[in-house]
Each structure stands twice: as structure tokens, then as C-alpha cells.
Amino acid sequence: MPPDRRLLREVYGAYDAMKQTQLLSGQYAIWYRFNKAGTTSHPIYGTGPQRAWFPGISVPVVLAEYNRASQNFDDDGLYQVDTVHLVVSYGAFFHSTITDPDPTGQDHVNDRVAIDGHLFSVDSFLPRGRVADMFLTISVDLREVAQEELDEDVPVP
């Protein structure tokens, strides 16, 4: 049964409020969808897939929490990277021509996101704030992509 008009008004009112908040902050992320068809394996060895992405799409961001790594390496010599937590309006995300995900968000775990000149991979993509059968926001956790991870990838367009 579809939601009633009052509920739809409330959901669209929430989308409008998030849009106004985003317009005030003016923050955008460039979202690169993973290209399964353009991803290939090495022609001789059959290993080391070359991952490819579609051209970037500008996505409005309601909130971005940027956490810088305190140092490049920890005491054990492991490489530390920056992380970002994004909150994106569900309506704005899919009005930016990105396809609708499954409710678990698994369609986006291979995507890449560029923010402030840094490239990040998606750790989690979770639609949140369900009203009737509609989501209000998307919570996205990102991890900075280290240079070593880019060696076998097709450059992001």
C-alpha cells in the first residue's frame, strides 16, 4: 500500500530541508561508480584485475566529518589513512543520476569518492531514516585510498 499524502509531504519536506542545508554549506563530493564491464584481468597471468570506474558525478553532501590520521605510520609500521563520514540526502543522491541501490548498499562498496582533492574508497553505504517505504538519508563511511592501491587500477576519469 503506497504511503498517504501527509506522509509524502513530510518526506519531501525533509528532502527540501536537507537541500537548503546543503545549499548553505555548499559541499559536494565527486562520486565514481564502479565499472564492472570495464574491469579486466591481466591478459597473460589472469591476476591483478584492472579496476575501472565511470566518470564522476557531483553529489551534494549534507554533512562531512573528516578525520585525519595522526601520523603516516603507526608504531608497527602500518600505513594509516584518513577517513571521512558522509551524510547524503537520499533524494539528492539519486537525483544526481546514480542508480538506486539495494537496501543493504552493497552496490556501492566498490565505488570511489573524491573530496577536497583526496580519493576515498567506500567502506560502508547504509540508507538510513526510513519513513514508510522511503529512506531520508544515506550514511557513507570512506577510507582514503593509498598510492599502492592505485598501481593496478585504471586512473579515475
Protein backbone atom coordinates (compact mmCIF):
# COMPACT_ATOMS: atom_id res chain seq x y z
CA MET A 1 0.00 0.00 0.00
CA PRO A 2 1.53 3.36 -1.01
CA PRO A 3 2.14 5.98 1.70
CA ASP A 4 -0.59 8.57 2.18
CA ARG A 5 -0.21 12.18 1.04
CA ARG A 6 0.54 13.51 4.53
CA LEU A 7 3.45 11.14 4.88
CA LEU A 8 4.75 12.01 1.41
CA ARG A 9 4.55 15.73 2.28
CA GLU A 10 6.65 15.10 5.39
CA VAL A 11 9.26 13.09 3.47
CA TYR A 12 9.53 15.69 0.70
CA GLY A 13 9.63 18.42 3.35
CA ALA A 14 12.63 16.65 4.93
CA TYR A 15 14.31 16.39 1.50
CA ASP A 16 13.76 20.14 0.96
CA ALA A 17 15.20 20.98 4.40
CA MET A 18 18.30 18.90 3.67
CA LYS A 19 18.64 20.61 0.29
CA GLN A 20 18.54 24.05 1.94
CA THR A 21 21.15 22.94 4.49
CA GLN A 22 23.36 21.65 1.70
CA LEU A 23 22.97 24.86 -0.28
CA LEU A 24 24.20 26.81 2.75
CA SER A 25 27.23 24.57 3.28
CA GLY A 26 27.90 24.20 -0.46
CA GLN A 27 29.74 20.93 -0.04
CA TYR A 28 29.93 18.37 -2.84
CA ALA A 29 31.68 15.06 -3.39
CA ILE A 30 32.59 13.55 -6.75
CA TRP A 31 31.20 10.00 -6.89
CA TYR A 32 32.78 7.42 -9.22
CA ARG A 33 30.62 4.33 -9.83
CA PHE A 34 32.50 1.06 -10.25
CA ASN A 35 32.50 -0.18 -13.86
CA LYS A 36 32.15 -3.98 -13.78
CA ALA A 37 32.19 -4.28 -17.57
CA GLY A 38 35.34 -2.16 -17.91
CA THR A 39 37.24 -4.15 -15.28
CA THR A 40 39.59 -6.76 -16.71
CA SER A 41 42.21 -9.24 -15.54
CA HIS A 42 45.79 -9.33 -16.77
CA PRO A 43 45.77 -10.90 -20.30
CA ILE A 44 48.67 -13.32 -19.62
CA TYR A 45 48.63 -14.07 -15.91
CA GLY A 46 44.91 -13.74 -15.26
CA THR A 47 45.65 -11.92 -11.99
CA GLY A 48 45.77 -8.32 -10.87
CA PRO A 49 42.46 -7.02 -12.13
CA GLN A 50 42.50 -3.57 -13.57
CA ARG A 51 39.54 -1.93 -11.95
CA ALA A 52 37.75 0.83 -13.83
CA TRP A 53 35.21 3.49 -12.89
CA PHE A 54 32.64 5.57 -14.75
CA PRO A 55 33.18 9.35 -14.97
CA GLY A 56 32.45 11.22 -11.75
CA ILE A 57 29.08 12.63 -10.73
CA SER A 58 28.77 15.59 -8.39
CA VAL A 59 26.78 14.62 -5.28
CA PRO A 60 25.57 17.20 -2.73
CA VAL A 61 26.67 16.42 0.84
CA VAL A 62 24.65 17.42 3.92
CA LEU A 63 27.43 16.62 6.43
CA ALA A 64 31.05 15.54 6.05
CA GLU A 65 33.18 14.58 9.04
CA TYR A 66 36.84 14.40 8.02
CA ASN A 67 39.20 12.51 10.35
CA ARG A 68 42.88 12.94 9.59
CA ALA A 69 45.30 10.17 10.50
CA SER A 70 47.50 11.38 13.35
CA GLN A 71 50.61 10.11 11.56
CA ASN A 72 51.51 8.32 8.32
CA PHE A 73 52.61 5.11 10.04
CA ASP A 74 51.70 3.58 13.38
CA ASP A 75 54.19 2.00 15.82
CA ASP A 76 54.04 -1.32 13.94
CA GLY A 77 54.87 0.33 10.60
CA LEU A 78 51.35 0.01 9.20
CA TYR A 79 50.19 2.75 6.86
CA GLN A 80 47.43 4.94 8.34
CA VAL A 81 44.96 6.81 6.14
CA ASP A 82 42.32 9.50 6.59
CA THR A 83 38.67 8.60 6.97
CA VAL A 84 35.50 10.51 6.13
CA HIS A 85 31.93 10.02 7.27
CA LEU A 86 29.30 11.49 4.92
CA VAL A 87 25.59 12.06 5.33
CA VAL A 88 23.84 12.50 1.99
CA SER A 89 20.18 13.15 1.27
CA TYR A 90 18.69 10.01 -0.27
CA GLY A 91 16.60 12.08 -2.69
CA ALA A 92 19.51 14.28 -3.78
CA PHE A 93 21.82 11.29 -4.23
CA PHE A 94 19.50 9.60 -6.71
CA HIS A 95 18.54 12.82 -8.47
CA SER A 96 22.23 13.06 -9.40
CA THR A 97 21.70 10.18 -11.92
CA ILE A 98 23.17 7.45 -9.70
CA THR A 99 21.14 4.25 -9.77
CA ASP A 100 19.07 3.21 -6.78
CA PRO A 101 20.92 0.72 -4.54
CA ASP A 102 19.67 -2.39 -2.89
CA PRO A 103 18.63 -1.75 0.76
CA THR A 104 21.94 -3.17 2.04
CA GLY A 105 24.05 -0.74 -0.04
CA GLN A 106 26.27 -3.49 -1.46
CA ASP A 107 26.00 -1.96 -4.95
CA HIS A 108 28.33 0.86 -3.87
CA VAL A 109 31.14 -0.81 -1.91
CA ASN A 110 33.50 -0.75 -4.92
CA ASP A 111 32.83 2.91 -5.73
CA ARG A 112 35.34 5.71 -5.23
CA VAL A 113 34.65 9.20 -3.89
CA ALA A 114 36.80 12.33 -4.26
CA ILE A 115 36.63 15.03 -1.60
CA ASP A 116 38.98 18.01 -1.27
CA GLY A 117 41.49 16.54 -3.72
CA HIS A 118 41.72 13.14 -1.96
CA LEU A 119 40.41 9.84 -3.27
CA PHE A 120 38.48 7.51 -0.95
CA SER A 121 37.02 4.02 -1.16
CA VAL A 122 33.60 3.18 0.28
CA ASP A 123 33.74 1.11 3.48
CA SER A 124 30.01 1.22 4.18
CA PHE A 125 26.96 2.61 2.40
CA LEU A 126 23.80 2.47 4.51
CA PRO A 127 20.42 4.03 3.69
CA ARG A 128 19.01 5.44 6.95
CA GLY A 129 15.93 7.16 8.36
CA ARG A 130 13.13 5.05 6.89
CA VAL A 131 9.68 6.64 6.74
CA ALA A 132 7.05 4.25 5.41
CA ASP A 133 8.91 2.68 2.48
CA MET A 134 11.20 5.66 1.78
CA PHE A 135 14.68 6.47 3.14
CA LEU A 136 15.69 10.02 4.12
CA THR A 137 19.48 9.87 4.30
CA ILE A 138 22.46 7.74 3.37
CA SER A 139 25.34 7.22 5.76
CA VAL A 140 28.66 6.61 3.97
CA ASP A 141 31.98 5.72 5.59
CA LEU A 142 35.05 6.31 3.43
CA ARG A 143 38.72 5.34 3.73
CA GLU A 144 41.47 7.17 1.86
CA VAL A 145 42.98 5.17 -0.99
CA ALA A 146 46.72 4.65 -0.53
CA GLN A 147 49.00 5.12 -3.53
CA GLU A 148 49.89 1.41 -3.53
CA GLU A 149 46.23 0.55 -4.11
CA LEU A 150 46.17 2.61 -7.31
CA ASP A 151 49.06 0.86 -9.08
CA GLU A 152 46.95 -1.71 -10.95
CA ASP A 153 43.86 0.45 -11.40
CA VAL A 154 42.74 2.34 -14.45
CA PRO A 155 43.02 6.04 -13.48
CA VAL A 156 39.78 7.54 -12.23
CA PRO A 157 38.47 9.81 -15.02
